PDB file of all heavy atoms in Angstrom:
ATOM      1  N   THR A   1     -23.070  14.707  31.529  1.00  0.00           N
ATOM      2  CA  THR A   1     -24.049  15.648  32.176  1.00  0.00           C
ATOM      3  C   THR A   1     -23.917  17.053  31.513  1.00  0.00           C
ATOM      4  O   THR A   1     -22.910  17.406  30.900  1.00  0.00           O
ATOM      5  CB  THR A   1     -23.785  15.815  33.649  1.00  0.00           C
ATOM      6  OG1 THR A   1     -22.437  16.312  33.852  1.00  0.00           O
ATOM      7  CG2 THR A   1     -23.931  14.469  34.312  1.00  0.00           C
ATOM      8  N   PRO A   2     -24.953  17.849  31.619  1.00  0.00           N
ATOM      9  CA  PRO A   2     -24.904  19.209  30.940  1.00  0.00           C
ATOM     10  C   PRO A   2     -23.659  19.944  31.495  1.00  0.00           C
ATOM     11  O   PRO A   2     -23.439  20.043  32.670  1.00  0.00           O
ATOM     12  CB  PRO A   2     -26.204  19.782  31.407  1.00  0.00           C
ATOM     13  CG  PRO A   2     -27.096  18.684  31.752  1.00  0.00           C
ATOM     14  CD  PRO A   2     -26.182  17.654  32.298  1.00  0.00           C
ATOM     15  N   ALA A   3     -23.041  20.661  30.536  1.00  0.00           N
ATOM     16  CA  ALA A   3     -21.906  21.538  30.943  1.00  0.00           C
ATOM     17  C   ALA A   3     -22.415  22.922  31.283  1.00  0.00           C
ATOM     18  O   ALA A   3     -23.314  23.439  30.551  1.00  0.00           O
ATOM     19  CB  ALA A   3     -20.915  21.530  29.761  1.00  0.00           C
ATOM     20  N   ILE A   4     -21.835  23.538  32.292  1.00  0.00           N
ATOM     21  CA  ILE A   4     -22.237  24.913  32.607  1.00  0.00           C
ATOM     22  C   ILE A   4     -21.004  25.762  32.808  1.00  0.00           C
ATOM     23  O   ILE A   4     -19.922  25.292  32.940  1.00  0.00           O
ATOM     24  CB  ILE A   4     -23.048  24.894  33.964  1.00  0.00           C
ATOM     25  CG1 ILE A   4     -22.106  24.391  35.090  1.00  0.00           C
ATOM     26  CG2 ILE A   4     -24.209  24.183  33.866  1.00  0.00           C
ATOM     27  CD1 ILE A   4     -22.666  24.647  36.547  1.00  0.00           C
ATOM     28  N   ARG A   5     -21.275  27.093  32.682  1.00  0.00           N
ATOM     29  CA  ARG A   5     -20.183  28.070  32.821  1.00  0.00           C
ATOM     30  C   ARG A   5     -20.734  29.107  33.835  1.00  0.00           C
ATOM     31  O   ARG A   5     -21.855  29.660  33.646  1.00  0.00           O
ATOM     32  CB  ARG A   5     -19.836  28.743  31.528  1.00  0.00           C
ATOM     33  CG  ARG A   5     -18.679  29.676  31.683  1.00  0.00           C
ATOM     34  CD  ARG A   5     -18.366  30.434  30.472  1.00  0.00           C
ATOM     35  NE  ARG A   5     -19.243  31.583  30.212  1.00  0.00           N
ATOM     36  CZ  ARG A   5     -20.071  31.687  29.131  1.00  0.00           C
ATOM     37  NH1 ARG A   5     -20.112  30.800  28.193  1.00  0.00           N
ATOM     38  NH2 ARG A   5     -20.947  32.667  29.074  1.00  0.00           N
ATOM     39  N   ILE A   6     -19.960  29.344  34.926  1.00  0.00           N
ATOM     40  CA  ILE A   6     -20.419  30.384  35.877  1.00  0.00           C
ATOM     41  C   ILE A   6     -20.022  31.716  35.376  1.00  0.00           C
ATOM     42  O   ILE A   6     -18.833  31.991  35.125  1.00  0.00           O
ATOM     43  CB  ILE A   6     -19.803  30.092  37.281  1.00  0.00           C
ATOM     44  CG1 ILE A   6     -20.141  28.705  37.728  1.00  0.00           C
ATOM     45  CG2 ILE A   6     -20.326  31.137  38.285  1.00  0.00           C
ATOM     46  CD1 ILE A   6     -21.562  28.391  37.918  1.00  0.00           C
ATOM     47  N   GLU A   7     -20.925  32.627  35.373  1.00  0.00           N
ATOM     48  CA  GLU A   7     -20.677  34.038  34.895  1.00  0.00           C
ATOM     49  C   GLU A   7     -20.313  34.878  36.063  1.00  0.00           C
ATOM     50  O   GLU A   7     -19.753  35.930  35.886  1.00  0.00           O
ATOM     51  CB  GLU A   7     -21.843  34.628  34.154  1.00  0.00           C
ATOM     52  CG  GLU A   7     -21.949  34.030  32.729  1.00  0.00           C
ATOM     53  CD  GLU A   7     -23.047  34.765  31.898  1.00  0.00           C
ATOM     54  OE1 GLU A   7     -23.865  35.516  32.445  1.00  0.00           O
ATOM     55  OE2 GLU A   7     -23.012  34.599  30.666  1.00  0.00           O
ATOM     56  N   GLY A   8     -20.741  34.494  37.270  1.00  0.00           N
ATOM     57  CA  GLY A   8     -20.399  35.349  38.375  1.00  0.00           C
ATOM     58  C   GLY A   8     -21.602  36.104  39.004  1.00  0.00           C
ATOM     59  O   GLY A   8     -22.726  35.833  38.629  1.00  0.00           O
ATOM     60  N   ARG A   9     -21.363  36.939  39.950  1.00  0.00           N
ATOM     61  CA  ARG A   9     -22.379  37.632  40.685  1.00  0.00           C
ATOM     62  C   ARG A   9     -23.201  38.554  39.823  1.00  0.00           C
ATOM     63  O   ARG A   9     -22.693  39.271  38.947  1.00  0.00           O
ATOM     64  CB  ARG A   9     -21.765  38.503  41.835  1.00  0.00           C
ATOM     65  CG  ARG A   9     -21.146  37.699  42.935  1.00  0.00           C
ATOM     66  CD  ARG A   9     -22.097  37.146  43.837  1.00  0.00           C
ATOM     67  NE  ARG A   9     -21.409  36.298  44.736  1.00  0.00           N
ATOM     68  CZ  ARG A   9     -21.999  35.298  45.466  1.00  0.00           C
ATOM     69  NH1 ARG A   9     -23.286  35.179  45.311  1.00  0.00           N
ATOM     70  NH2 ARG A   9     -21.332  34.591  46.251  1.00  0.00           N
ATOM     71  N   THR A  10     -24.503  38.657  40.086  1.00  0.00           N
ATOM     72  CA  THR A  10     -25.376  39.525  39.316  1.00  0.00           C
ATOM     73  C   THR A  10     -25.743  40.663  40.234  1.00  0.00           C
ATOM     74  O   THR A  10     -26.415  41.589  39.776  1.00  0.00           O
ATOM     75  CB  THR A  10     -26.607  38.810  38.844  1.00  0.00           C
ATOM     76  OG1 THR A  10     -27.246  38.232  39.931  1.00  0.00           O
ATOM     77  CG2 THR A  10     -26.228  37.749  37.818  1.00  0.00           C
ATOM     78  N   ASP A  11     -25.450  40.627  41.550  1.00  0.00           N
ATOM     79  CA  ASP A  11     -25.866  41.751  42.468  1.00  0.00           C
ATOM     80  C   ASP A  11     -25.029  42.971  42.028  1.00  0.00           C
ATOM     81  O   ASP A  11     -23.958  42.888  41.473  1.00  0.00           O
ATOM     82  CB  ASP A  11     -25.493  41.382  43.859  1.00  0.00           C
ATOM     83  CG  ASP A  11     -26.394  40.307  44.475  1.00  0.00           C
ATOM     84  OD1 ASP A  11     -27.462  40.174  43.938  1.00  0.00           O
ATOM     85  OD2 ASP A  11     -26.012  39.652  45.502  1.00  0.00           O
ATOM     86  N   ALA A  12     -25.594  44.119  42.356  1.00  0.00           N
ATOM     87  CA  ALA A  12     -24.952  45.416  42.033  1.00  0.00           C
ATOM     88  C   ALA A  12     -23.846  45.704  42.985  1.00  0.00           C
ATOM     89  O   ALA A  12     -24.091  46.057  44.120  1.00  0.00           O
ATOM     90  CB  ALA A  12     -25.996  46.499  42.060  1.00  0.00           C
ATOM     91  N   VAL A  13     -22.591  45.479  42.553  1.00  0.00           N
ATOM     92  CA  VAL A  13     -21.481  45.905  43.347  1.00  0.00           C
ATOM     93  C   VAL A  13     -21.295  47.387  43.286  1.00  0.00           C
ATOM     94  O   VAL A  13     -21.283  47.886  42.126  1.00  0.00           O
ATOM     95  CB  VAL A  13     -20.191  45.107  42.936  1.00  0.00           C
ATOM     96  CG1 VAL A  13     -18.987  45.659  43.668  1.00  0.00           C
ATOM     97  CG2 VAL A  13     -20.372  43.601  43.112  1.00  0.00           C
ATOM     98  N   LEU A  14     -21.275  48.063  44.391  1.00  0.00           N
ATOM     99  CA  LEU A  14     -21.132  49.463  44.326  1.00  0.00           C
ATOM    100  C   LEU A  14     -19.732  49.929  44.201  1.00  0.00           C
ATOM    101  O   LEU A  14     -18.833  49.375  44.793  1.00  0.00           O
ATOM    102  CB  LEU A  14     -21.714  50.098  45.621  1.00  0.00           C
ATOM    103  CG  LEU A  14     -23.222  49.846  45.932  1.00  0.00           C
ATOM    104  CD1 LEU A  14     -23.669  50.583  47.125  1.00  0.00           C
ATOM    105  CD2 LEU A  14     -24.041  50.096  44.712  1.00  0.00           C
ATOM    106  N   ALA A  15     -19.473  50.937  43.266  1.00  0.00           N
ATOM    107  CA  ALA A  15     -18.114  51.476  43.157  1.00  0.00           C
ATOM    108  C   ALA A  15     -18.207  52.890  43.624  1.00  0.00           C
ATOM    109  O   ALA A  15     -18.654  53.747  42.970  1.00  0.00           O
ATOM    110  CB  ALA A  15     -17.717  51.381  41.710  1.00  0.00           C
ATOM    111  N   LEU A  16     -17.692  53.119  44.852  1.00  0.00           N
ATOM    112  CA  LEU A  16     -17.747  54.432  45.444  1.00  0.00           C
ATOM    113  C   LEU A  16     -16.311  55.105  45.402  1.00  0.00           C
ATOM    114  O   LEU A  16     -15.319  54.396  45.434  1.00  0.00           O
ATOM    115  CB  LEU A  16     -18.216  54.350  46.887  1.00  0.00           C
ATOM    116  CG  LEU A  16     -19.674  53.879  47.036  1.00  0.00           C
ATOM    117  CD1 LEU A  16     -19.963  53.529  48.462  1.00  0.00           C
ATOM    118  CD2 LEU A  16     -20.655  54.852  46.403  1.00  0.00           C
ATOM    119  N   LYS A  17     -16.255  56.420  45.369  1.00  0.00           N
ATOM    120  CA  LYS A  17     -14.965  57.135  45.396  1.00  0.00           C
ATOM    121  C   LYS A  17     -14.604  57.732  46.734  1.00  0.00           C
ATOM    122  O   LYS A  17     -15.508  58.341  47.397  1.00  0.00           O
ATOM    123  CB  LYS A  17     -15.057  58.287  44.319  1.00  0.00           C
ATOM    124  CG  LYS A  17     -15.182  57.773  42.940  1.00  0.00           C
ATOM    125  CD  LYS A  17     -13.914  57.346  42.272  1.00  0.00           C
ATOM    126  CE  LYS A  17     -14.245  57.085  40.831  1.00  0.00           C
ATOM    127  NZ  LYS A  17     -13.106  56.499  40.118  1.00  0.00           N
ATOM    128  N   THR A  18     -13.323  57.628  47.079  1.00  0.00           N
ATOM    129  CA  THR A  18     -12.830  58.275  48.268  1.00  0.00           C
ATOM    130  C   THR A  18     -12.634  59.704  47.991  1.00  0.00           C
ATOM    131  O   THR A  18     -12.706  60.112  46.834  1.00  0.00           O
ATOM    132  CB  THR A  18     -11.515  57.600  48.760  1.00  0.00           C
ATOM    133  OG1 THR A  18     -10.477  57.853  47.800  1.00  0.00           O
ATOM    134  CG2 THR A  18     -11.628  56.121  48.987  1.00  0.00           C
ATOM    135  N   ARG A  19     -12.276  60.482  49.012  1.00  0.00           N
ATOM    136  CA  ARG A  19     -11.937  61.924  48.775  1.00  0.00           C
ATOM    137  C   ARG A  19     -10.735  62.049  47.772  1.00  0.00           C
ATOM    138  O   ARG A  19     -10.764  62.931  47.045  1.00  0.00           O
ATOM    139  CB  ARG A  19     -11.587  62.512  50.081  1.00  0.00           C
ATOM    140  CG  ARG A  19     -12.695  63.080  50.871  1.00  0.00           C
ATOM    141  CD  ARG A  19     -12.318  64.126  51.956  1.00  0.00           C
ATOM    142  NE  ARG A  19     -13.499  64.524  52.679  1.00  0.00           N
ATOM    143  CZ  ARG A  19     -14.015  63.878  53.680  1.00  0.00           C
ATOM    144  NH1 ARG A  19     -13.322  62.900  54.309  1.00  0.00           N
ATOM    145  NH2 ARG A  19     -15.136  64.296  54.268  1.00  0.00           N
ATOM    146  N   ALA A  20      -9.874  61.093  47.886  1.00  0.00           N
ATOM    147  CA  ALA A  20      -8.627  61.162  47.039  1.00  0.00           C
ATOM    148  C   ALA A  20      -8.965  60.633  45.579  1.00  0.00           C
ATOM    149  O   ALA A  20      -8.017  60.662  44.753  1.00  0.00           O
ATOM    150  CB  ALA A  20      -7.522  60.355  47.649  1.00  0.00           C
ATOM    151  N   GLY A  21     -10.097  60.183  45.348  1.00  0.00           N
ATOM    152  CA  GLY A  21     -10.461  59.700  44.055  1.00  0.00           C
ATOM    153  C   GLY A  21     -10.297  58.260  43.787  1.00  0.00           C
ATOM    154  O   GLY A  21     -10.541  57.741  42.624  1.00  0.00           O
ATOM    155  N   LYS A  22      -9.904  57.501  44.852  1.00  0.00           N
ATOM    156  CA  LYS A  22      -9.681  56.043  44.664  1.00  0.00           C
ATOM    157  C   LYS A  22     -11.022  55.349  44.695  1.00  0.00           C
ATOM    158  O   LYS A  22     -11.954  55.672  45.426  1.00  0.00           O
ATOM    159  CB  LYS A  22      -8.809  55.554  45.780  1.00  0.00           C
ATOM    160  CG  LYS A  22      -8.602  54.074  45.798  1.00  0.00           C
ATOM    161  CD  LYS A  22      -7.744  53.569  46.974  1.00  0.00           C
ATOM    162  CE  LYS A  22      -7.686  52.049  46.867  1.00  0.00           C
ATOM    163  NZ  LYS A  22      -7.209  51.516  48.187  1.00  0.00           N
ATOM    164  N   THR A  23     -11.237  54.306  43.818  1.00  0.00           N
ATOM    165  CA  THR A  23     -12.437  53.570  43.834  1.00  0.00           C
ATOM    166  C   THR A  23     -12.409  52.459  44.869  1.00  0.00           C
ATOM    167  O   THR A  23     -11.439  51.706  44.886  1.00  0.00           O
ATOM    168  CB  THR A  23     -12.706  52.996  42.436  1.00  0.00           C
ATOM    169  OG1 THR A  23     -12.774  54.068  41.475  1.00  0.00           O
ATOM    170  CG2 THR A  23     -13.923  52.170  42.374  1.00  0.00           C
ATOM    171  N   VAL A  24     -13.463  52.381  45.643  1.00  0.00           N
ATOM    172  CA  VAL A  24     -13.648  51.309  46.530  1.00  0.00           C
ATOM    173  C   VAL A  24     -14.912  50.522  46.231  1.00  0.00           C
ATOM    174  O   VAL A  24     -15.986  51.164  46.107  1.00  0.00           O
ATOM    175  CB  VAL A  24     -13.750  51.801  48.039  1.00  0.00           C
ATOM    176  CG1 VAL A  24     -14.016  50.709  49.061  1.00  0.00           C
ATOM    177  CG2 VAL A  24     -12.483  52.546  48.492  1.00  0.00           C
ATOM    178  N   ARG A  25     -14.828  49.221  45.999  1.00  0.00           N
ATOM    179  CA  ARG A  25     -15.966  48.479  45.714  1.00  0.00           C
ATOM    180  C   ARG A  25     -16.547  47.767  46.913  1.00  0.00           C
ATOM    181  O   ARG A  25     -15.842  47.186  47.758  1.00  0.00           O
ATOM    182  CB  ARG A  25     -15.592  47.345  44.657  1.00  0.00           C
ATOM    183  CG  ARG A  25     -15.086  48.013  43.335  1.00  0.00           C
ATOM    184  CD  ARG A  25     -14.911  46.984  42.257  1.00  0.00           C
ATOM    185  NE  ARG A  25     -14.315  47.579  41.109  1.00  0.00           N
ATOM    186  CZ  ARG A  25     -14.828  48.444  40.301  1.00  0.00           C
ATOM    187  NH1 ARG A  25     -16.006  48.910  40.433  1.00  0.00           N
ATOM    188  NH2 ARG A  25     -14.084  48.933  39.199  1.00  0.00           N
ATOM    189  N   LEU A  26     -17.877  47.832  47.026  1.00  0.00           N
ATOM    190  CA  LEU A  26     -18.613  47.266  48.189  1.00  0.00           C
ATOM    191  C   LEU A  26     -19.628  46.298  47.681  1.00  0.00           C
ATOM    192  O   LEU A  26     -20.386  46.558  46.799  1.00  0.00           O
ATOM    193  CB  LEU A  26     -19.283  48.305  49.058  1.00  0.00           C
ATOM    194  CG  LEU A  26     -18.440  49.465  49.577  1.00  0.00           C
ATOM    195  CD1 LEU A  26     -19.271  50.465  50.333  1.00  0.00           C
ATOM    196  CD2 LEU A  26     -17.401  48.814  50.601  1.00  0.00           C
ATOM    197  N   VAL A  27     -19.615  45.108  48.249  1.00  0.00           N
ATOM    198  CA  VAL A  27     -20.557  44.061  47.919  1.00  0.00           C
ATOM    199  C   VAL A  27     -21.862  44.402  48.698  1.00  0.00           C
ATOM    200  O   VAL A  27     -21.870  44.841  49.799  1.00  0.00           O
ATOM    201  CB  VAL A  27     -20.127  42.618  48.144  1.00  0.00           C
ATOM    202  CG1 VAL A  27     -18.924  42.350  47.289  1.00  0.00           C
ATOM    203  CG2 VAL A  27     -19.688  42.465  49.615  1.00  0.00           C
ATOM    204  N   PRO A  28     -23.008  44.033  48.044  1.00  0.00           N
ATOM    205  CA  PRO A  28     -24.369  44.352  48.677  1.00  0.00           C
ATOM    206  C   PRO A  28     -24.485  43.667  49.998  1.00  0.00           C
ATOM    207  O   PRO A  28     -25.141  44.250  50.906  1.00  0.00           O
ATOM    208  CB  PRO A  28     -25.331  43.756  47.593  1.00  0.00           C
ATOM    209  CG  PRO A  28     -24.571  43.835  46.324  1.00  0.00           C
ATOM    210  CD  PRO A  28     -23.134  43.535  46.678  1.00  0.00           C
ATOM    211  N   LEU A  29     -24.057  42.363  50.155  1.00  0.00           N
ATOM    212  CA  LEU A  29     -24.284  41.780  51.476  1.00  0.00           C
ATOM    213  C   LEU A  29     -23.707  42.445  52.628  1.00  0.00           C
ATOM    214  O   LEU A  29     -24.315  42.522  53.665  1.00  0.00           O
ATOM    215  CB  LEU A  29     -23.741  40.279  51.298  1.00  0.00           C
ATOM    216  CG  LEU A  29     -23.957  39.448  52.598  1.00  0.00           C
ATOM    217  CD1 LEU A  29     -25.392  39.258  52.849  1.00  0.00           C
ATOM    218  CD2 LEU A  29     -23.248  38.077  52.399  1.00  0.00           C
ATOM    219  N   ALA A  30     -22.524  43.116  52.436  1.00  0.00           N
ATOM    220  CA  ALA A  30     -21.967  43.855  53.524  1.00  0.00           C
ATOM    221  C   ALA A  30     -22.763  44.994  53.974  1.00  0.00           C
ATOM    222  O   ALA A  30     -23.048  45.217  55.132  1.00  0.00           O
ATOM    223  CB  ALA A  30     -20.590  44.382  53.080  1.00  0.00           C
ATOM    224  N   LEU A  31     -23.329  45.791  53.003  1.00  0.00           N
ATOM    225  CA  LEU A  31     -24.173  46.896  53.302  1.00  0.00           C
ATOM    226  C   LEU A  31     -25.504  46.477  53.866  1.00  0.00           C
ATOM    227  O   LEU A  31     -25.954  47.121  54.893  1.00  0.00           O
ATOM    228  CB  LEU A  31     -24.437  47.751  52.025  1.00  0.00           C
ATOM    229  CG  LEU A  31     -23.211  48.465  51.467  1.00  0.00           C
ATOM    230  CD1 LEU A  31     -23.508  48.994  50.075  1.00  0.00           C
ATOM    231  CD2 LEU A  31     -22.846  49.605  52.378  1.00  0.00           C
ATOM    232  N   THR A  32     -26.125  45.462  53.413  1.00  0.00           N
ATOM    233  CA  THR A  32     -27.430  45.091  53.915  1.00  0.00           C
ATOM    234  C   THR A  32     -27.284  44.465  55.360  1.00  0.00           C
ATOM    235  O   THR A  32     -28.127  44.729  56.171  1.00  0.00           O
ATOM    236  CB  THR A  32     -28.126  44.035  52.997  1.00  0.00           C
ATOM    237  OG1 THR A  32     -27.325  42.895  52.832  1.00  0.00           O
ATOM    238  CG2 THR A  32     -28.432  44.642  51.684  1.00  0.00           C
ATOM    239  N   THR A  33     -26.168  43.835  55.566  1.00  0.00           N
ATOM    240  CA  THR A  33     -26.019  43.259  56.900  1.00  0.00           C
ATOM    241  C   THR A  33     -25.870  44.366  57.967  1.00  0.00           C
ATOM    242  O   THR A  33     -26.385  44.251  59.114  1.00  0.00           O
ATOM    243  CB  THR A  33     -24.721  42.379  56.931  1.00  0.00           C
ATOM    244  OG1 THR A  33     -24.945  41.302  56.009  1.00  0.00           O
ATOM    245  CG2 THR A  33     -24.533  41.790  58.342  1.00  0.00           C
ATOM    246  N   VAL A  34     -25.176  45.444  57.560  1.00  0.00           N
ATOM    247  CA  VAL A  34     -24.942  46.628  58.524  1.00  0.00           C
ATOM    248  C   VAL A  34     -26.324  47.184  58.922  1.00  0.00           C
ATOM    249  O   VAL A  34     -26.641  47.441  60.022  1.00  0.00           O
ATOM    250  CB  VAL A  34     -24.134  47.719  57.739  1.00  0.00           C
ATOM    251  CG1 VAL A  34     -24.187  49.006  58.557  1.00  0.00           C
ATOM    252  CG2 VAL A  34     -22.652  47.222  57.702  1.00  0.00           C
ATOM    253  N   VAL A  35     -27.241  47.373  57.916  1.00  0.00           N
ATOM    254  CA  VAL A  35     -28.568  47.983  58.158  1.00  0.00           C
ATOM    255  C   VAL A  35     -29.442  46.969  58.935  1.00  0.00           C
ATOM    256  O   VAL A  35     -30.099  47.442  59.931  1.00  0.00           O
ATOM    257  CB  VAL A  35     -29.264  48.378  56.836  1.00  0.00           C
ATOM    258  CG1 VAL A  35     -30.672  48.828  57.121  1.00  0.00           C
ATOM    259  CG2 VAL A  35     -28.405  49.489  56.201  1.00  0.00           C
ATOM    260  N   GLU A  36     -29.385  45.723  58.573  1.00  0.00           N
ATOM    261  CA  GLU A  36     -30.232  44.709  59.280  1.00  0.00           C
ATOM    262  C   GLU A  36     -29.895  44.562  60.704  1.00  0.00           C
ATOM    263  O   GLU A  36     -30.739  44.493  61.609  1.00  0.00           O
ATOM    264  CB  GLU A  36     -30.155  43.332  58.549  1.00  0.00           C
ATOM    265  CG  GLU A  36     -30.882  43.351  57.147  1.00  0.00           C
ATOM    266  CD  GLU A  36     -30.587  42.118  56.391  1.00  0.00           C
ATOM    267  OE1 GLU A  36     -29.775  41.301  56.814  1.00  0.00           O
ATOM    268  OE2 GLU A  36     -31.172  42.015  55.270  1.00  0.00           O
ATOM    269  N   GLU A  37     -28.548  44.493  60.998  1.00  0.00           N
ATOM    270  CA  GLU A  37     -28.094  44.372  62.361  1.00  0.00           C
ATOM    271  C   GLU A  37     -28.233  45.561  63.234  1.00  0.00           C
ATOM    272  O   GLU A  37     -28.601  45.453  64.389  1.00  0.00           O
ATOM    273  CB  GLU A  37     -26.664  43.843  62.375  1.00  0.00           C
ATOM    274  CG  GLU A  37     -26.540  42.440  61.900  1.00  0.00           C
ATOM    275  CD  GLU A  37     -25.128  41.892  61.919  1.00  0.00           C
ATOM    276  OE1 GLU A  37     -24.196  42.634  62.266  1.00  0.00           O
ATOM    277  OE2 GLU A  37     -24.932  40.693  61.597  1.00  0.00           O
TER     278      GLU A  37
END
């Protein structure tokens, strides 16, 4: 059967900075669920 390779998510994962400068990554589904609900 055809061989495939998964490259991973194509959605835009947001990389936001805390006040202290640490990067926090947020997946789109979490943010959209907050707004929708």
